[in-house]
Amino acid sequence: VTPASTALAKDLKREGLRFVGPTTAYALMQACGLVDDHLADCHVRARRESGAG
């Protein structure tokens, strides 16, 4: 949970969503590619940073 996910959850609730909180908002941010939680030595992160994936 981050300040950004908390703010997003509040905005979504203001727009009428009922069952959304900071954790759900953070998962949405991950799914949309707004945050990347892969470890620094993860092969997926290296591929994404190089532009290959």
N, C-alpha and C. Protein backbone atom coordinates (compact mmCIF):
# COMPACT_ATOMS: atom_id res chain seq x y z
N VAL A 1 0.85 -1.17 0.00
CA VAL A 1 0.00 0.00 0.00
C VAL A 1 0.90 1.24 0.00
N THR A 2 0.60 2.13 -0.91
CA THR A 2 1.40 3.35 -1.04
C THR A 2 0.48 4.57 -0.99
N PRO A 3 1.04 5.74 -0.83
CA PRO A 3 0.20 6.95 -0.88
C PRO A 3 -0.53 7.07 -2.22
N ALA A 4 0.12 6.65 -3.30
CA ALA A 4 -0.52 6.72 -4.62
C ALA A 4 -1.71 5.77 -4.71
N SER A 5 -1.57 4.56 -4.17
CA SER A 5 -2.69 3.61 -4.23
C SER A 5 -3.83 4.04 -3.31
N THR A 6 -3.49 4.67 -2.20
CA THR A 6 -4.52 5.20 -1.30
C THR A 6 -5.30 6.32 -1.99
N ALA A 7 -4.58 7.20 -2.66
CA ALA A 7 -5.24 8.30 -3.39
C ALA A 7 -6.10 7.76 -4.53
N LEU A 8 -5.59 6.76 -5.25
CA LEU A 8 -6.36 6.17 -6.34
C LEU A 8 -7.63 5.53 -5.81
N ALA A 9 -7.54 4.81 -4.69
CA ALA A 9 -8.72 4.18 -4.09
C ALA A 9 -9.76 5.23 -3.71
N LYS A 10 -9.32 6.34 -3.15
CA LYS A 10 -10.25 7.41 -2.78
C LYS A 10 -10.92 7.99 -4.02
N ASP A 11 -10.14 8.18 -5.09
CA ASP A 11 -10.71 8.71 -6.34
C ASP A 11 -11.73 7.74 -6.93
N LEU A 12 -11.41 6.44 -6.90
CA LEU A 12 -12.33 5.45 -7.45
C LEU A 12 -13.62 5.39 -6.62
N LYS A 13 -13.50 5.52 -5.31
CA LYS A 13 -14.70 5.54 -4.46
C LYS A 13 -15.54 6.78 -4.75
N ARG A 14 -14.88 7.89 -4.98
CA ARG A 14 -15.60 9.13 -5.31
C ARG A 14 -16.35 8.97 -6.63
N GLU A 15 -15.82 8.15 -7.53
CA GLU A 15 -16.46 7.90 -8.82
C GLU A 15 -17.58 6.86 -8.73
N GLY A 16 -17.76 6.25 -7.55
CA GLY A 16 -18.89 5.35 -7.36
C GLY A 16 -18.54 3.90 -7.10
N LEU A 17 -17.27 3.51 -7.18
CA LEU A 17 -16.91 2.14 -6.86
C LEU A 17 -17.03 1.94 -5.36
N ARG A 18 -17.53 0.79 -4.94
CA ARG A 18 -17.78 0.57 -3.52
C ARG A 18 -16.72 -0.27 -2.83
N PHE A 19 -16.33 -1.35 -3.43
CA PHE A 19 -15.45 -2.31 -2.76
C PHE A 19 -14.03 -2.20 -3.30
N VAL A 20 -13.43 -1.05 -3.13
CA VAL A 20 -12.06 -0.86 -3.56
C VAL A 20 -11.30 -0.14 -2.45
N GLY A 21 -10.13 -0.67 -2.14
CA GLY A 21 -9.28 -0.06 -1.13
C GLY A 21 -7.88 0.08 -1.68
N PRO A 22 -6.95 0.53 -0.87
CA PRO A 22 -5.59 0.76 -1.34
C PRO A 22 -4.89 -0.50 -1.88
N THR A 23 -5.17 -1.65 -1.28
CA THR A 23 -4.53 -2.88 -1.76
C THR A 23 -5.03 -3.25 -3.14
N THR A 24 -6.33 -3.16 -3.34
CA THR A 24 -6.91 -3.44 -4.66
C THR A 24 -6.42 -2.43 -5.68
N ALA A 25 -6.33 -1.18 -5.28
CA ALA A 25 -5.84 -0.14 -6.18
C ALA A 25 -4.39 -0.40 -6.55
N TYR A 26 -3.58 -0.88 -5.61
CA TYR A 26 -2.17 -1.18 -5.90
C TYR A 26 -2.08 -2.35 -6.88
N ALA A 27 -2.92 -3.36 -6.70
CA ALA A 27 -2.94 -4.49 -7.64
C ALA A 27 -3.32 -4.02 -9.04
N LEU A 28 -4.25 -3.09 -9.12
CA LEU A 28 -4.62 -2.51 -10.41
C LEU A 28 -3.43 -1.78 -11.03
N MET A 29 -2.71 -1.03 -10.21
CA MET A 29 -1.54 -0.31 -10.70
C MET A 29 -0.48 -1.28 -11.22
N GLN A 30 -0.31 -2.43 -10.56
CA GLN A 30 0.63 -3.45 -11.03
C GLN A 30 0.16 -4.03 -12.36
N ALA A 31 -1.11 -4.35 -12.45
CA ALA A 31 -1.66 -4.97 -13.66
C ALA A 31 -1.57 -4.03 -14.86
N CYS A 32 -1.69 -2.74 -14.62
CA CYS A 32 -1.62 -1.75 -15.70
C CYS A 32 -0.19 -1.35 -16.03
N GLY A 33 0.78 -1.83 -15.27
CA GLY A 33 2.17 -1.51 -15.54
C GLY A 33 2.64 -0.19 -14.95
N LEU A 34 1.87 0.37 -14.03
CA LEU A 34 2.27 1.64 -13.42
C LEU A 34 3.37 1.45 -12.38
N VAL A 35 3.45 0.26 -11.79
CA VAL A 35 4.51 -0.07 -10.84
C VAL A 35 5.10 -1.41 -11.23
N ASP A 36 6.38 -1.60 -10.94
CA ASP A 36 7.07 -2.84 -11.28
C ASP A 36 7.74 -3.35 -10.00
N ASP A 37 7.20 -4.42 -9.45
CA ASP A 37 7.72 -4.96 -8.20
C ASP A 37 8.66 -6.14 -8.40
N HIS A 38 9.14 -6.35 -9.62
CA HIS A 38 10.11 -7.42 -9.83
C HIS A 38 11.42 -7.06 -9.14
N LEU A 39 12.08 -8.05 -8.56
CA LEU A 39 13.36 -7.81 -7.90
C LEU A 39 14.39 -7.33 -8.91
N ALA A 40 15.41 -6.66 -8.42
CA ALA A 40 16.43 -6.08 -9.30
C ALA A 40 17.13 -7.14 -10.15
N ASP A 41 17.30 -8.36 -9.62
CA ASP A 41 17.99 -9.40 -10.38
C ASP A 41 17.04 -10.36 -11.10
N CYS A 42 15.77 -10.01 -11.19
CA CYS A 42 14.78 -10.84 -11.87
C CYS A 42 14.93 -10.74 -13.38
N HIS A 43 14.85 -11.87 -14.08
CA HIS A 43 15.02 -11.87 -15.53
C HIS A 43 13.91 -11.09 -16.23
N VAL A 44 12.73 -11.05 -15.64
CA VAL A 44 11.62 -10.30 -16.24
C VAL A 44 11.90 -8.80 -16.19
N ARG A 45 12.39 -8.33 -15.06
CA ARG A 45 12.69 -6.90 -14.93
C ARG A 45 13.79 -6.49 -15.91
N ALA A 46 14.82 -7.31 -16.03
CA ALA A 46 15.92 -6.99 -16.95
C ALA A 46 15.41 -6.92 -18.38
N ARG A 47 14.53 -7.84 -18.74
CA ARG A 47 13.99 -7.85 -20.10
C ARG A 47 13.11 -6.62 -20.35
N ARG A 48 12.31 -6.23 -19.37
CA ARG A 48 11.44 -5.06 -19.52
C ARG A 48 12.25 -3.78 -19.61
N GLU A 49 13.30 -3.67 -18.80
CA GLU A 49 14.11 -2.45 -18.81
C GLU A 49 14.91 -2.32 -20.10
N SER A 50 15.25 -3.45 -20.73
CA SER A 50 16.01 -3.38 -21.98
C SER A 50 15.09 -3.12 -23.17
N GLY A 51 13.78 -3.20 -22.95
CA GLY A 51 12.82 -2.95 -24.02
C GLY A 51 12.51 -4.19 -24.84
N ALA A 52 12.98 -5.35 -24.41
CA ALA A 52 12.76 -6.58 -25.16
C ALA A 52 11.42 -7.23 -24.84
N GLY A 53 10.74 -6.78 -23.82
CA GLY A 53 9.51 -7.47 -23.46
C GLY A 53 8.47 -6.53 -23.11
